[in-house]
Protein backbone atom coordinates (compact mmCIF):
# COMPACT_ATOMS: atom_id res chain seq x y z
CA UNK A 1 -16.40 6.70 -24.48
CA UNK A 2 -17.91 7.21 -21.04
CA UNK A 3 -19.79 4.80 -18.82
CA UNK A 4 -23.55 4.39 -19.09
CA UNK A 5 -26.01 6.09 -16.80
CA UNK A 6 -29.58 5.56 -15.69
CA UNK A 7 -32.02 8.13 -14.32
CA UNK A 8 -32.95 8.06 -10.67
CA UNK A 9 -36.67 8.19 -10.00
CA UNK A 10 -36.29 10.29 -6.86
CA UNK A 11 -34.44 13.01 -8.78
CA UNK A 12 -34.83 12.74 -12.56
CA UNK A 13 -31.92 15.10 -13.22
CA UNK A 14 -29.40 12.94 -11.35
CA UNK A 15 -27.46 10.29 -13.31
CA UNK A 16 -26.76 6.94 -11.67
CA UNK A 17 -23.41 5.45 -12.47
CA UNK A 18 -23.34 1.82 -13.64
CA UNK A 19 -20.52 0.34 -11.55
CA UNK A 20 -17.81 -1.73 -13.18
CA UNK A 21 -18.20 -5.55 -13.04
CA UNK A 22 -15.14 -5.68 -10.76
CA UNK A 23 -17.58 -4.37 -8.17
CA UNK A 24 -20.30 -6.89 -8.98
CA UNK A 25 -22.32 -8.33 -6.10
CA UNK A 26 -21.41 -11.85 -7.26
CA UNK A 27 -17.82 -11.33 -6.12
CA UNK A 28 -16.43 -12.45 -2.76
CA UNK A 29 -15.25 -8.86 -2.19
CA UNK A 30 -17.53 -6.40 -4.04
CA UNK A 31 -15.46 -3.62 -2.45
CA UNK A 32 -11.73 -3.71 -1.77
CA UNK A 33 -10.32 -0.51 -0.28
CA UNK A 34 -11.41 3.04 -0.99
CA UNK A 35 -8.37 3.87 -3.12
CA UNK A 36 -8.40 0.89 -5.48
CA UNK A 37 -12.19 1.06 -5.77
CA UNK A 38 -11.97 4.73 -6.65
CA UNK A 39 -9.42 4.11 -9.40
CA UNK A 40 -11.50 1.28 -10.85
CA UNK A 41 -14.53 3.53 -11.17
CA UNK A 42 -12.50 6.54 -12.30
CA UNK A 43 -11.05 4.53 -15.18
CA UNK A 44 -14.45 3.03 -15.93
CA UNK A 45 -15.94 6.52 -15.98
CA UNK A 46 -13.41 7.44 -18.67
CA UNK A 47 -14.21 4.35 -20.75
CA UNK A 48 -10.88 2.68 -19.92
CA UNK A 49 -10.12 -0.91 -18.87
CA UNK A 50 -9.30 -1.14 -15.13
CA UNK A 51 -8.42 -4.86 -15.31
CA UNK A 52 -5.20 -3.90 -17.11
CA UNK A 53 -3.70 -2.13 -14.07
CA UNK A 54 -4.10 -4.91 -11.52
CA UNK A 55 -0.70 -6.61 -11.85
CA UNK A 56 0.52 -4.52 -8.90
CA UNK A 57 -1.41 -6.87 -6.60
CA UNK A 58 1.52 -9.33 -6.84
CA UNK A 59 3.56 -7.08 -4.52
CA UNK A 60 1.31 -7.37 -1.47
CA UNK A 61 3.08 -8.42 1.73
CA UNK A 62 2.19 -8.92 5.38
CA UNK A 63 3.63 -5.97 7.28
CA UNK A 64 3.67 -7.53 10.76
CA UNK A 65 0.33 -6.08 11.84
CA UNK A 66 -1.55 -5.72 8.54
CA UNK A 67 -1.46 -6.68 4.88
CA UNK A 68 -0.21 -4.00 2.51
CA UNK A 69 -2.99 -1.52 1.72
CA UNK A 70 -2.66 -2.32 -1.95
CA UNK A 71 -2.67 0.62 -4.35
CA UNK A 72 -1.92 1.04 -8.05
CA UNK A 73 1.45 2.41 -9.09
CA UNK A 74 1.07 5.90 -10.52
CA UNK A 75 3.88 5.19 -12.98
CA UNK A 76 1.85 2.25 -14.29
CA UNK A 77 -1.35 4.31 -14.40
CA UNK A 78 0.43 6.82 -16.61
CA UNK A 79 2.00 4.12 -18.80
CA UNK A 80 -1.34 2.38 -19.38
CA UNK A 81 -3.85 5.21 -19.42
CA UNK A 82 -1.92 8.44 -19.95
CA UNK A 83 -3.16 9.84 -16.62
CA UNK A 84 -0.97 11.64 -14.12
CA UNK A 85 -1.61 12.22 -10.44
CA UNK A 86 -0.21 15.39 -8.87
CA UNK A 87 -0.61 16.91 -5.45
CA UNK A 88 -3.14 19.73 -5.25
CA UNK A 89 -2.12 22.65 -3.03
CA UNK A 90 -5.04 23.74 -0.87
CA UNK A 91 -3.96 27.29 -0.12
CA UNK A 92 -7.33 28.97 -0.72
CA UNK A 93 -9.83 26.41 0.57
CA UNK A 94 -10.74 22.97 -0.81
CA UNK A 95 -13.99 24.12 -2.42
CA UNK A 96 -12.36 26.86 -4.50
CA UNK A 97 -9.58 24.62 -5.80
CA UNK A 98 -11.95 21.72 -6.48
CA UNK A 99 -14.25 24.01 -8.50
CA UNK A 100 -11.31 25.15 -10.65
CA UNK A 101 -10.00 21.63 -11.28
CA UNK A 102 -13.44 20.16 -12.03
CA UNK A 103 -14.02 22.95 -14.56
CA UNK A 104 -10.77 21.90 -16.26
CA UNK A 105 -11.98 18.32 -16.53
CA UNK A 106 -9.66 17.02 -13.80
CA UNK A 107 -10.73 14.70 -11.00
CA UNK A 108 -9.81 15.80 -7.49
CA UNK A 109 -8.92 12.99 -5.09
CA UNK A 110 -9.25 14.11 -1.50
CA UNK A 111 -9.41 12.53 1.92
CA UNK A 112 -12.71 13.40 3.60
CA UNK A 113 -14.78 12.34 6.59
CA UNK A 114 -17.19 9.55 5.61
CA UNK A 115 -19.68 10.84 8.16
CA UNK A 116 -20.79 13.26 5.40
CA UNK A 117 -21.07 10.66 2.59
CA UNK A 118 -24.63 9.43 1.97
CA UNK A 119 -23.40 6.34 0.15
CA UNK A 120 -22.10 5.01 3.49
CA UNK A 121 -25.61 4.97 5.01
CA UNK A 122 -25.85 2.10 7.47
CA UNK A 123 -22.18 2.29 8.41
CA UNK A 124 -20.53 5.69 8.94
CA UNK A 125 -22.94 8.23 7.40
CA UNK A 126 -24.15 10.57 10.13
CA UNK A 127 -22.84 8.19 12.78
CA UNK A 128 -19.07 7.77 12.87
CA UNK A 129 -16.02 9.72 11.74
CA UNK A 130 -13.88 7.79 9.27
CA UNK A 131 -11.20 8.84 6.78
CA UNK A 132 -11.77 7.87 3.17
CA UNK A 133 -10.89 9.09 -0.32
CA UNK A 134 -13.38 10.38 -2.88
CA UNK A 135 -13.00 11.57 -6.45
CA UNK A 136 -14.73 14.88 -7.14
CA UNK A 137 -16.18 14.97 -10.65
CA UNK A 138 -18.36 18.09 -10.60
CA UNK A 139 -19.48 20.81 -8.21
CA UNK A 140 -22.61 22.94 -8.19
CA UNK A 141 -21.47 25.62 -5.77
CA UNK A 142 -24.69 27.64 -5.91
CA UNK A 143 -26.83 24.55 -5.31
CA UNK A 144 -24.39 23.13 -2.72
CA UNK A 145 -24.25 19.83 -4.57
CA UNK A 146 -21.32 17.52 -5.21
CA UNK A 147 -20.95 14.74 -7.83
CA UNK A 148 -18.33 12.24 -6.64
CA UNK A 149 -16.86 8.75 -6.96
CA UNK A 150 -16.48 6.63 -3.84
CA UNK A 151 -15.97 2.92 -3.25
CA UNK A 152 -17.94 1.02 -5.90
CA UNK A 153 -19.96 3.80 -7.49
CA UNK A 154 -20.80 7.36 -8.37
CA UNK A 155 -22.97 9.42 -6.02
CA UNK A 156 -24.19 12.91 -5.17
CA UNK A 157 -24.42 14.77 -1.89
CA UNK A 158 -25.84 18.18 -1.04
CA UNK A 159 -26.85 20.62 1.66
CA UNK A 160 -25.38 19.99 5.10
CA UNK A 161 -23.22 17.18 3.77
CA UNK A 162 -21.73 19.56 1.19
CA UNK A 163 -21.01 22.06 3.96
CA UNK A 164 -19.35 19.31 6.02
CA UNK A 165 -17.08 18.20 3.21
CA UNK A 166 -15.90 21.74 2.52
CA UNK A 167 -15.79 23.03 6.11
CA UNK A 168 -12.66 24.95 7.02
CA UNK A 169 -10.21 22.93 9.11
CA UNK A 170 -7.09 23.80 11.07
CA UNK A 171 -5.03 21.73 8.65
CA UNK A 172 -6.16 21.48 5.02
CA UNK A 173 -6.91 17.96 3.75
CA UNK A 174 -4.47 16.11 1.55
CA UNK A 175 -5.65 16.36 -2.05
CA UNK A 176 -4.44 15.33 -5.49
CA UNK A 177 -5.78 15.76 -8.98
CA UNK A 178 -5.84 13.45 -12.00
CA UNK A 179 -5.21 14.91 -15.44
CA UNK A 180 -4.55 13.40 -18.87
CA UNK A 181 -1.00 13.87 -20.13
CA UNK A 182 -0.95 11.35 -22.99
CA UNK A 183 -3.23 9.09 -24.98
CA UNK A 184 -4.08 5.77 -23.33
CA UNK A 185 -2.51 2.63 -24.77
CA UNK A 186 -4.57 1.42 -27.71
CA UNK A 187 -6.80 -1.57 -26.98
CA UNK A 188 -4.81 -3.85 -29.28
CA UNK A 189 -1.55 -3.17 -27.40
CA UNK A 190 -2.97 -2.99 -23.90
CA UNK A 191 -2.57 -6.72 -23.00
CA UNK A 192 1.10 -6.75 -24.08
CA UNK A 193 1.88 -3.64 -22.02
CA UNK A 194 0.02 -5.08 -19.02
CA UNK A 195 1.92 -8.34 -19.40
CA UNK A 196 5.25 -6.52 -19.28
CA UNK A 197 4.13 -4.77 -16.11
CA UNK A 198 3.01 -8.10 -14.65
CA UNK A 199 6.51 -9.51 -15.14
CA UNK A 200 8.03 -6.44 -13.46
CA UNK A 201 5.63 -6.72 -10.54
CA UNK A 202 6.40 -10.42 -10.13
CA UNK A 203 10.07 -9.52 -9.65
CA UNK A 204 8.99 -7.24 -6.80
CA UNK A 205 6.77 -9.81 -5.06
CA UNK A 206 7.73 -11.00 -1.56
CA UNK A 207 10.28 -13.81 -1.48
CA UNK A 208 8.38 -15.43 1.39
CA UNK A 209 4.75 -16.42 2.05
CA UNK A 210 2.87 -13.49 3.65
CA UNK A 211 -0.10 -15.66 4.64
CA UNK A 212 2.25 -17.79 6.73
CA UNK A 213 3.52 -14.60 8.36
CA UNK A 214 -0.06 -13.56 9.11
CA UNK A 215 -0.78 -16.91 10.76
CA UNK A 216 2.37 -16.63 12.86
CA UNK A 217 1.48 -13.11 14.03
CA UNK A 218 -2.07 -14.19 14.82
CA UNK A 219 -0.71 -17.03 16.91
CA UNK A 220 1.15 -14.49 19.04
CA UNK A 221 -1.67 -11.98 19.56
CA UNK A 222 -4.82 -14.06 19.03
CA UNK A 223 -5.72 -14.75 22.65
CA UNK A 224 -5.59 -11.06 23.55
CA UNK A 225 -7.18 -9.95 20.29
CA UNK A 226 -10.44 -11.91 20.35
CA UNK A 227 -11.46 -10.73 23.83
CA UNK A 228 -11.47 -7.10 22.71
CA UNK A 229 -14.68 -5.30 21.57
CA UNK A 230 -16.32 -6.23 18.26
CA UNK A 231 -15.34 -2.81 16.89
CA UNK A 232 -11.73 -4.05 17.02
CA UNK A 233 -12.70 -7.06 14.89
CA UNK A 234 -14.03 -4.82 12.13
CA UNK A 235 -10.86 -2.73 12.00
CA UNK A 236 -8.55 -5.73 12.25
CA UNK A 237 -10.44 -7.67 9.58
CA UNK A 238 -10.44 -4.70 7.19
CA UNK A 239 -6.67 -4.41 7.41
CA UNK A 240 -5.91 -8.14 7.26
CA UNK A 241 -8.44 -10.55 5.78
CA UNK A 242 -10.15 -7.99 3.55
CA UNK A 243 -6.92 -6.60 2.13
CA UNK A 244 -5.57 -10.10 1.51
CA UNK A 245 -8.77 -11.47 -0.01
CA UNK A 246 -9.67 -8.48 -2.13
CA UNK A 247 -6.11 -8.17 -3.39
CA UNK A 248 -6.02 -11.73 -4.69
CA UNK A 249 -9.53 -11.66 -6.11
CA UNK A 250 -8.39 -8.62 -8.12
CA UNK A 251 -5.26 -10.51 -9.20
CA UNK A 252 -7.50 -13.35 -10.36
CA UNK A 253 -9.52 -10.90 -12.46
CA UNK A 254 -6.34 -9.46 -13.95
CA UNK A 255 -5.02 -12.90 -14.93
CA UNK A 256 -8.40 -13.95 -16.33
CA UNK A 257 -8.46 -10.77 -18.43
CA UNK A 258 -4.95 -11.46 -19.74
CA UNK A 259 -6.03 -14.98 -20.66
CA UNK A 260 -9.19 -13.76 -22.39
CA UNK A 261 -7.22 -11.23 -24.45
CA UNK A 262 -4.78 -13.87 -25.68
CA UNK A 263 -1.74 -12.61 -23.75
CA UNK A 264 -1.11 -16.12 -22.39
CA UNK A 265 -2.77 -18.95 -20.52
CA UNK A 266 -2.98 -17.79 -16.93
CA UNK A 267 -6.16 -19.74 -16.16
CA UNK A 268 -4.61 -21.94 -13.45
CA UNK A 269 -3.05 -18.97 -11.64
CA UNK A 270 -6.27 -16.97 -12.04
CA UNK A 271 -8.32 -19.78 -10.50
CA UNK A 272 -5.93 -20.13 -7.57
CA UNK A 273 -5.85 -16.37 -6.92
CA UNK A 274 -9.64 -16.16 -6.99
CA UNK A 275 -9.82 -19.16 -4.65
CA UNK A 276 -7.42 -17.44 -2.24
CA UNK A 277 -9.77 -14.46 -2.22
CA UNK A 278 -12.64 -16.73 -1.20
CA UNK A 279 -10.54 -18.53 1.41
CA UNK A 280 -9.69 -15.19 3.02
CA UNK A 281 -13.41 -14.38 3.14
CA UNK A 282 -14.14 -17.75 4.80
CA UNK A 283 -11.40 -17.12 7.34
CA UNK A 284 -12.87 -13.72 8.13
CA UNK A 285 -16.08 -15.48 9.22
CA UNK A 286 -14.00 -17.83 11.37
CA UNK A 287 -12.26 -14.83 12.90
CA UNK A 288 -15.65 -13.29 13.69
CA UNK A 289 -16.73 -16.50 15.42
CA UNK A 290 -13.52 -16.45 17.45
CA UNK A 291 -14.43 -12.95 18.66
CA UNK A 292 -17.96 -14.14 19.47
CA UNK A 293 -16.61 -17.12 21.47
CA UNK A 294 -13.72 -15.06 22.86
CA UNK A 295 -11.37 -17.90 22.02
CA UNK A 296 -8.53 -18.06 19.47
CA UNK A 297 -7.88 -21.77 19.90
CA UNK A 298 -6.89 -23.28 16.55
CA UNK A 299 -7.33 -20.00 14.70
CA UNK A 300 -3.86 -19.74 13.07
CA UNK A 301 -4.13 -23.32 11.78
CA UNK A 302 -7.26 -22.38 9.86
CA UNK A 303 -5.00 -20.38 7.55
CA UNK A 304 -3.11 -23.49 6.43
CA UNK A 305 -5.16 -23.89 3.24
CA UNK A 306 -4.79 -20.22 2.29
CA UNK A 307 -1.04 -20.51 2.89
CA UNK A 308 -0.86 -23.42 0.44
CA UNK A 309 -3.02 -21.58 -2.09
CA UNK A 310 -0.71 -18.55 -2.01
CA UNK A 311 2.20 -20.77 -3.06
CA UNK A 312 -0.02 -22.33 -5.72
CA UNK A 313 -0.80 -18.90 -7.21
CA UNK A 314 2.84 -18.03 -7.69
CA UNK A 315 3.84 -21.49 -8.84
CA UNK A 316 1.17 -21.48 -11.56
CA UNK A 317 2.04 -17.93 -12.56
CA UNK A 318 5.73 -18.65 -12.94
CA UNK A 319 4.91 -21.75 -15.00
CA UNK A 320 2.68 -19.65 -17.27
CA UNK A 321 5.41 -17.05 -17.75
CA UNK A 322 8.22 -19.55 -18.34
């Protein structure tokens, strides 16, 4: 079963992908990071359940200068969905290899320059070079048109943008391809398998509070950070507040899904995780105001509530699993 499509009025032959509810505009973080977002929509495109994979979010840590860029475990992707990710050798040009893999029904994941991606209009498209990952679904080489997944949806690009994506470079881009190697776990067994993976991920969670570590680091660098250009704020926030908030909002969705499927009552932990996602979003606005005022006074202390909520998430989760 594949996801539903609508027809675009500007080009009747072009399908519009209906994004998964995990990317709904009612969420605090409609987009997380390019890799997780891509996997959500890739699984959705195949008619699979992306909520089942999200237990890996328990492992996020603060790495001293950023929160872990959270990504799904490929071993868990294979266990849940029967999909394997392998590196794609680009020895004869990205376009040629992508055409071959797409014809075989495989999705090519490749790092590209977002300056050529029309879906980033208003941010990087045609304006700023930025590395991001897309999933190539189909290629019309003669028409110079590409059908791809990126962030929270499915899009097309063509013409000069197509040429930019496939332009020869000194070093070939890093690329991988997704292929089915087994049947996905049946719907009736999926919650039990996901629950086992959740327990395993909990054992690999940090044994300290990463939000407290973030506050401590911010206390050390805050005064020098907030007097830098606003462009620094955007990069810093993406790698700290956005990764923290989006990670825990996804964890909340995972726990709510487990509860809804009857795998256990994780409602308290789900509520706390979702709340932490919102608290990270609120703090991001406070961080932006600190940049505007060029003052970090009191900024680390504004993470006190989020620090408490982090502990609440894990306390409620361990109670639910006891």
